[in-house]
Amino acid sequence: MITGAGGLRQWSVFDKARVIAETLEPSAVISEVARRYGIRPQQVFAWRRKAGKQGRVGAASSAAFVPAIAAAEPVARHSPDQRKRQATRDAGMSMRSMAARCASAWRRYQDGGWSDSAR
């Protein structure tokens, strides 16, 4: 069943801008706005996308949704070596003992003493 006048409609720039402006309201539902004007939601999304590419959609509307985050204190930046040392300290193991364990495991692997049960 086909409802409506059918055929292509020509929408003026002013009419498109009015529809887009309605969809930018905080409580707007695009499908409801599209239904009110007798068009498909996909068409409204296409108009919004095109207006955004042309810079016609206001920057203020998108900036209103950007959250501001204030840090209480600056985050310390550590080098990868510092992070590795801290991780081993947290695990209760010094770098020297960790290196010795890795060397020991590598020698066992090279000697063929590595088995599935040892993993």
N, C-alpha and C. Protein backbone atom coordinates (compact mmCIF):
# COMPACT_ATOMS: atom_id res chain seq x y z
N MET A 1 0.85 -1.16 0.00
CA MET A 1 0.00 0.00 0.00
C MET A 1 0.90 1.23 0.00
N ILE A 2 0.66 2.14 -0.89
CA ILE A 2 1.43 3.37 -1.00
C ILE A 2 0.59 4.50 -0.43
N THR A 3 1.15 5.21 0.53
CA THR A 3 0.45 6.37 1.09
C THR A 3 1.26 7.60 0.77
N GLY A 4 0.63 8.73 0.68
CA GLY A 4 1.33 9.98 0.39
C GLY A 4 1.25 10.33 -1.07
N ALA A 5 1.77 11.50 -1.39
CA ALA A 5 1.66 12.02 -2.74
C ALA A 5 2.58 11.32 -3.71
N GLY A 6 3.72 10.80 -3.23
CA GLY A 6 4.66 10.13 -4.13
C GLY A 6 5.47 11.15 -4.92
N GLY A 7 6.49 10.68 -5.57
CA GLY A 7 7.35 11.59 -6.34
C GLY A 7 8.36 12.28 -5.45
N LEU A 8 9.27 12.98 -6.10
CA LEU A 8 10.31 13.68 -5.37
C LEU A 8 9.85 15.06 -4.97
N ARG A 9 10.14 15.43 -3.74
CA ARG A 9 9.82 16.78 -3.28
C ARG A 9 11.09 17.59 -3.24
N GLN A 10 10.98 18.84 -3.49
CA GLN A 10 12.11 19.75 -3.41
C GLN A 10 12.01 20.52 -2.10
N TRP A 11 13.00 20.37 -1.24
CA TRP A 11 13.03 21.06 0.03
C TRP A 11 13.98 22.25 -0.08
N SER A 12 13.53 23.39 0.36
CA SER A 12 14.39 24.57 0.33
C SER A 12 15.44 24.45 1.43
N VAL A 13 16.50 25.23 1.31
CA VAL A 13 17.54 25.23 2.31
C VAL A 13 16.96 25.67 3.66
N PHE A 14 16.04 26.62 3.62
CA PHE A 14 15.41 27.10 4.84
C PHE A 14 14.63 25.98 5.52
N ASP A 15 13.87 25.21 4.74
CA ASP A 15 13.09 24.11 5.32
C ASP A 15 13.99 23.02 5.91
N LYS A 16 15.07 22.70 5.19
CA LYS A 16 16.02 21.71 5.71
C LYS A 16 16.64 22.19 7.01
N ALA A 17 17.01 23.48 7.04
CA ALA A 17 17.62 24.05 8.25
C ALA A 17 16.65 24.00 9.42
N ARG A 18 15.37 24.23 9.17
CA ARG A 18 14.37 24.18 10.23
C ARG A 18 14.24 22.76 10.79
N VAL A 19 14.23 21.76 9.91
CA VAL A 19 14.14 20.37 10.34
C VAL A 19 15.39 19.99 11.14
N ILE A 20 16.56 20.37 10.64
CA ILE A 20 17.81 20.06 11.33
C ILE A 20 17.84 20.73 12.70
N ALA A 21 17.40 21.99 12.77
CA ALA A 21 17.38 22.70 14.04
C ALA A 21 16.49 22.00 15.06
N GLU A 22 15.38 21.46 14.62
CA GLU A 22 14.50 20.72 15.53
C GLU A 22 15.17 19.47 16.07
N THR A 23 15.97 18.80 15.22
CA THR A 23 16.62 17.57 15.67
C THR A 23 17.77 17.84 16.62
N LEU A 24 18.27 19.07 16.65
CA LEU A 24 19.38 19.40 17.54
C LEU A 24 18.93 19.76 18.95
N GLU A 25 17.64 19.85 19.16
CA GLU A 25 17.12 20.12 20.51
C GLU A 25 17.47 18.93 21.41
N PRO A 26 17.77 19.18 22.69
CA PRO A 26 18.19 18.09 23.58
C PRO A 26 17.20 16.93 23.70
N SER A 27 15.91 17.20 23.68
CA SER A 27 14.94 16.12 23.87
C SER A 27 14.34 15.63 22.55
N ALA A 28 14.92 16.04 21.42
CA ALA A 28 14.35 15.68 20.12
C ALA A 28 14.64 14.22 19.77
N VAL A 29 13.66 13.58 19.15
CA VAL A 29 13.80 12.24 18.62
C VAL A 29 13.69 12.38 17.10
N ILE A 30 14.74 12.00 16.39
CA ILE A 30 14.81 12.26 14.96
C ILE A 30 13.67 11.60 14.20
N SER A 31 13.32 10.38 14.57
CA SER A 31 12.23 9.71 13.85
C SER A 31 10.90 10.44 14.03
N GLU A 32 10.68 11.03 15.21
CA GLU A 32 9.44 11.80 15.42
C GLU A 32 9.43 13.08 14.61
N VAL A 33 10.57 13.76 14.56
CA VAL A 33 10.66 14.98 13.75
C VAL A 33 10.43 14.65 12.28
N ALA A 34 11.05 13.58 11.81
CA ALA A 34 10.89 13.18 10.41
C ALA A 34 9.43 12.83 10.11
N ARG A 35 8.78 12.12 11.01
CA ARG A 35 7.38 11.75 10.82
C ARG A 35 6.49 12.98 10.73
N ARG A 36 6.79 14.00 11.56
CA ARG A 36 6.01 15.23 11.54
C ARG A 36 6.07 15.92 10.18
N TYR A 37 7.21 15.82 9.52
CA TYR A 37 7.37 16.46 8.22
C TYR A 37 7.11 15.51 7.05
N GLY A 38 6.80 14.27 7.35
CA GLY A 38 6.46 13.32 6.29
C GLY A 38 7.66 12.83 5.50
N ILE A 39 8.81 12.76 6.16
CA ILE A 39 10.02 12.26 5.49
C ILE A 39 10.60 11.12 6.32
N ARG A 40 11.53 10.41 5.75
CA ARG A 40 12.16 9.29 6.44
C ARG A 40 13.31 9.78 7.31
N PRO A 41 13.56 9.11 8.43
CA PRO A 41 14.67 9.51 9.30
C PRO A 41 16.02 9.51 8.58
N GLN A 42 16.19 8.57 7.64
CA GLN A 42 17.45 8.50 6.89
C GLN A 42 17.72 9.81 6.15
N GLN A 43 16.65 10.42 5.64
CA GLN A 43 16.79 11.69 4.93
C GLN A 43 17.27 12.79 5.87
N VAL A 44 16.71 12.80 7.08
CA VAL A 44 17.13 13.80 8.07
C VAL A 44 18.59 13.60 8.44
N PHE A 45 18.99 12.35 8.65
CA PHE A 45 20.40 12.08 8.97
C PHE A 45 21.31 12.54 7.83
N ALA A 46 20.89 12.31 6.60
CA ALA A 46 21.70 12.75 5.45
C ALA A 46 21.81 14.27 5.42
N TRP A 47 20.72 14.97 5.69
CA TRP A 47 20.76 16.44 5.72
C TRP A 47 21.70 16.93 6.82
N ARG A 48 21.62 16.29 8.00
CA ARG A 48 22.49 16.69 9.11
C ARG A 48 23.95 16.46 8.77
N ARG A 49 24.24 15.30 8.17
CA ARG A 49 25.62 14.98 7.79
C ARG A 49 26.16 15.99 6.79
N LYS A 50 25.33 16.31 5.79
CA LYS A 50 25.75 17.26 4.76
C LYS A 50 25.94 18.65 5.36
N ALA A 51 25.05 19.05 6.25
CA ALA A 51 25.17 20.37 6.89
C ALA A 51 26.42 20.42 7.77
N GLY A 52 26.74 19.31 8.42
CA GLY A 52 27.94 19.26 9.25
C GLY A 52 29.20 19.38 8.43
N LYS A 53 29.23 18.73 7.26
CA LYS A 53 30.39 18.82 6.38
C LYS A 53 30.57 20.22 5.83
N GLN A 54 29.48 20.92 5.62
CA GLN A 54 29.54 22.28 5.09
C GLN A 54 29.74 23.31 6.19
N GLY A 55 29.76 22.86 7.44
CA GLY A 55 29.97 23.77 8.56
C GLY A 55 28.74 24.57 8.93
N ARG A 56 27.58 24.09 8.55
CA ARG A 56 26.35 24.82 8.86
C ARG A 56 25.73 24.43 10.19
N VAL A 57 26.07 23.26 10.69
CA VAL A 57 25.55 22.87 11.99
C VAL A 57 26.41 23.58 13.01
N GLY A 58 25.77 24.31 13.91
CA GLY A 58 26.48 25.18 14.84
C GLY A 58 27.48 24.46 15.71
N ALA A 59 28.65 25.06 15.88
CA ALA A 59 29.68 24.50 16.74
C ALA A 59 29.25 24.57 18.19
N ALA A 60 28.42 25.54 18.51
CA ALA A 60 27.96 25.69 19.90
C ALA A 60 27.11 24.50 20.32
N SER A 61 26.34 23.94 19.39
CA SER A 61 25.49 22.80 19.75
C SER A 61 26.33 21.57 20.07
N SER A 62 27.43 21.36 19.34
CA SER A 62 28.26 20.20 19.64
C SER A 62 29.16 20.46 20.83
N ALA A 63 29.55 21.73 21.05
CA ALA A 63 30.41 22.04 22.19
C ALA A 63 29.65 21.92 23.50
N ALA A 64 28.35 22.03 23.47
CA ALA A 64 27.56 21.96 24.69
C ALA A 64 27.62 20.56 25.31
N PHE A 65 27.98 19.54 24.54
CA PHE A 65 28.00 18.18 25.03
C PHE A 65 29.39 17.70 25.40
N VAL A 66 30.39 18.57 25.35
CA VAL A 66 31.75 18.18 25.67
C VAL A 66 31.95 18.29 27.18
N PRO A 67 32.26 17.18 27.86
CA PRO A 67 32.43 17.26 29.31
C PRO A 67 33.77 17.88 29.67
N ALA A 68 33.79 18.63 30.75
CA ALA A 68 35.03 19.22 31.26
C ALA A 68 35.50 18.37 32.42
N ILE A 69 36.76 17.96 32.37
CA ILE A 69 37.32 17.12 33.42
C ILE A 69 38.49 17.87 34.05
N ALA A 70 38.42 18.09 35.34
CA ALA A 70 39.50 18.76 36.06
C ALA A 70 40.19 17.75 36.95
N ALA A 71 41.49 17.62 36.78
CA ALA A 71 42.26 16.68 37.59
C ALA A 71 42.69 17.36 38.88
N ALA A 72 42.59 16.65 39.98
CA ALA A 72 42.97 17.20 41.27
C ALA A 72 44.48 17.42 41.34
N GLU A 73 45.24 16.49 40.79
CA GLU A 73 46.69 16.64 40.75
C GLU A 73 47.19 16.09 39.43
N PRO A 74 48.32 16.58 38.94
CA PRO A 74 48.82 16.10 37.66
C PRO A 74 49.23 14.62 37.74
N VAL A 75 49.04 13.94 36.65
CA VAL A 75 49.39 12.53 36.57
C VAL A 75 50.88 12.42 36.27
N ALA A 76 51.60 11.63 37.07
CA ALA A 76 53.03 11.47 36.87
C ALA A 76 53.29 10.57 35.67
N ARG A 77 54.24 10.96 34.85
CA ARG A 77 54.63 10.16 33.68
C ARG A 77 55.89 9.39 34.02
N HIS A 78 55.87 8.09 33.82
CA HIS A 78 57.03 7.26 34.11
C HIS A 78 57.50 6.60 32.83
N SER A 79 58.79 6.37 32.76
CA SER A 79 59.35 5.67 31.60
C SER A 79 58.96 4.19 31.68
N PRO A 80 59.05 3.46 30.57
CA PRO A 80 58.73 2.03 30.60
C PRO A 80 59.58 1.26 31.62
N ASP A 81 60.86 1.64 31.76
CA ASP A 81 61.71 0.96 32.74
C ASP A 81 61.23 1.20 34.16
N GLN A 82 60.83 2.43 34.44
CA GLN A 82 60.32 2.74 35.78
C GLN A 82 59.05 1.96 36.08
N ARG A 83 58.16 1.84 35.06
CA ARG A 83 56.92 1.09 35.25
C ARG A 83 57.21 -0.39 35.48
N LYS A 84 58.21 -0.94 34.76
CA LYS A 84 58.56 -2.34 34.91
C LYS A 84 59.13 -2.60 36.31
N ARG A 85 60.03 -1.69 36.78
CA ARG A 85 60.58 -1.85 38.12
C ARG A 85 59.49 -1.77 39.18
N GLN A 86 58.56 -0.84 39.00
CA GLN A 86 57.47 -0.71 39.97
C GLN A 86 56.60 -1.95 39.98
N ALA A 87 56.34 -2.51 38.79
CA ALA A 87 55.51 -3.71 38.71
C ALA A 87 56.18 -4.88 39.41
N THR A 88 57.49 -5.02 39.24
CA THR A 88 58.18 -6.13 39.90
C THR A 88 58.24 -5.90 41.40
N ARG A 89 58.41 -4.65 41.85
CA ARG A 89 58.39 -4.37 43.29
C ARG A 89 57.02 -4.70 43.87
N ASP A 90 55.99 -4.32 43.11
CA ASP A 90 54.63 -4.61 43.58
C ASP A 90 54.39 -6.11 43.68
N ALA A 91 55.04 -6.87 42.81
CA ALA A 91 54.89 -8.32 42.83
C ALA A 91 55.79 -8.97 43.87
N GLY A 92 56.62 -8.16 44.54
CA GLY A 92 57.50 -8.70 45.58
C GLY A 92 58.75 -9.33 45.04
N MET A 93 59.23 -8.89 43.89
CA MET A 93 60.38 -9.51 43.26
C MET A 93 61.31 -8.40 42.77
N SER A 94 62.61 -8.53 43.02
CA SER A 94 63.55 -7.52 42.54
C SER A 94 63.86 -7.78 41.07
N MET A 95 64.42 -6.80 40.42
CA MET A 95 64.79 -6.95 39.00
C MET A 95 65.85 -8.05 38.85
N ARG A 96 66.77 -8.13 39.82
CA ARG A 96 67.84 -9.13 39.73
C ARG A 96 67.26 -10.54 39.82
N SER A 97 66.34 -10.76 40.76
CA SER A 97 65.76 -12.10 40.89
C SER A 97 64.88 -12.45 39.70
N MET A 98 64.22 -11.44 39.15
CA MET A 98 63.41 -11.69 37.96
C MET A 98 64.30 -12.06 36.78
N ALA A 99 65.41 -11.37 36.61
CA ALA A 99 66.33 -11.67 35.51
C ALA A 99 66.91 -13.07 35.68
N ALA A 100 67.24 -13.43 36.92
CA ALA A 100 67.78 -14.77 37.18
C ALA A 100 66.75 -15.85 36.85
N ARG A 101 65.50 -15.62 37.21
CA ARG A 101 64.45 -16.60 36.88
C ARG A 101 64.28 -16.74 35.38
N CYS A 102 64.29 -15.61 34.67
CA CYS A 102 64.13 -15.66 33.21
C CYS A 102 65.30 -16.38 32.56
N ALA A 103 66.53 -16.09 33.03
CA ALA A 103 67.72 -16.75 32.47
C ALA A 103 67.67 -18.24 32.73
N SER A 104 67.25 -18.62 33.92
CA SER A 104 67.15 -20.03 34.27
C SER A 104 66.13 -20.75 33.39
N ALA A 105 64.98 -20.11 33.19
CA ALA A 105 63.94 -20.70 32.34
C ALA A 105 64.42 -20.81 30.90
N TRP A 106 65.15 -19.82 30.43
CA TRP A 106 65.66 -19.85 29.05
C TRP A 106 66.66 -20.98 28.86
N ARG A 107 67.55 -21.18 29.85
CA ARG A 107 68.52 -22.28 29.76
C ARG A 107 67.81 -23.63 29.74
N ARG A 108 66.78 -23.80 30.59
CA ARG A 108 66.01 -25.05 30.58
C ARG A 108 65.36 -25.28 29.23
N TYR A 109 64.85 -24.21 28.63
CA TYR A 109 64.19 -24.34 27.33
C TYR A 109 65.21 -24.75 26.27
N GLN A 110 66.40 -24.13 26.27
CA GLN A 110 67.42 -24.46 25.28
C GLN A 110 67.95 -25.88 25.46
N ASP A 111 68.02 -26.34 26.68
CA ASP A 111 68.52 -27.69 26.96
C ASP A 111 67.47 -28.76 26.68
N GLY A 112 66.27 -28.35 26.34
CA GLY A 112 65.22 -29.32 26.05
C GLY A 112 64.50 -29.80 27.29
N GLY A 113 64.74 -29.16 28.42
CA GLY A 113 64.10 -29.58 29.66
C GLY A 113 62.74 -28.94 29.87
N TRP A 114 62.26 -28.25 28.89
CA TRP A 114 60.98 -27.57 28.99
C TRP A 114 59.87 -28.56 28.64
N SER A 115 58.94 -28.74 29.51
CA SER A 115 57.83 -29.66 29.22
C SER A 115 56.50 -28.94 29.44
N ASP A 116 55.45 -29.52 28.94
CA ASP A 116 54.13 -28.91 29.10
C ASP A 116 53.70 -28.85 30.56
N SER A 117 54.18 -29.82 31.37
CA SER A 117 53.78 -29.83 32.78
C SER A 117 54.47 -28.72 33.56
N ALA A 118 55.60 -28.22 33.08
CA ALA A 118 56.32 -27.16 33.78
C ALA A 118 55.67 -25.81 33.60
N ARG A 119 54.85 -25.67 32.60
CA ARG A 119 54.20 -24.40 32.35
C ARG A 119 53.12 -24.23 33.35
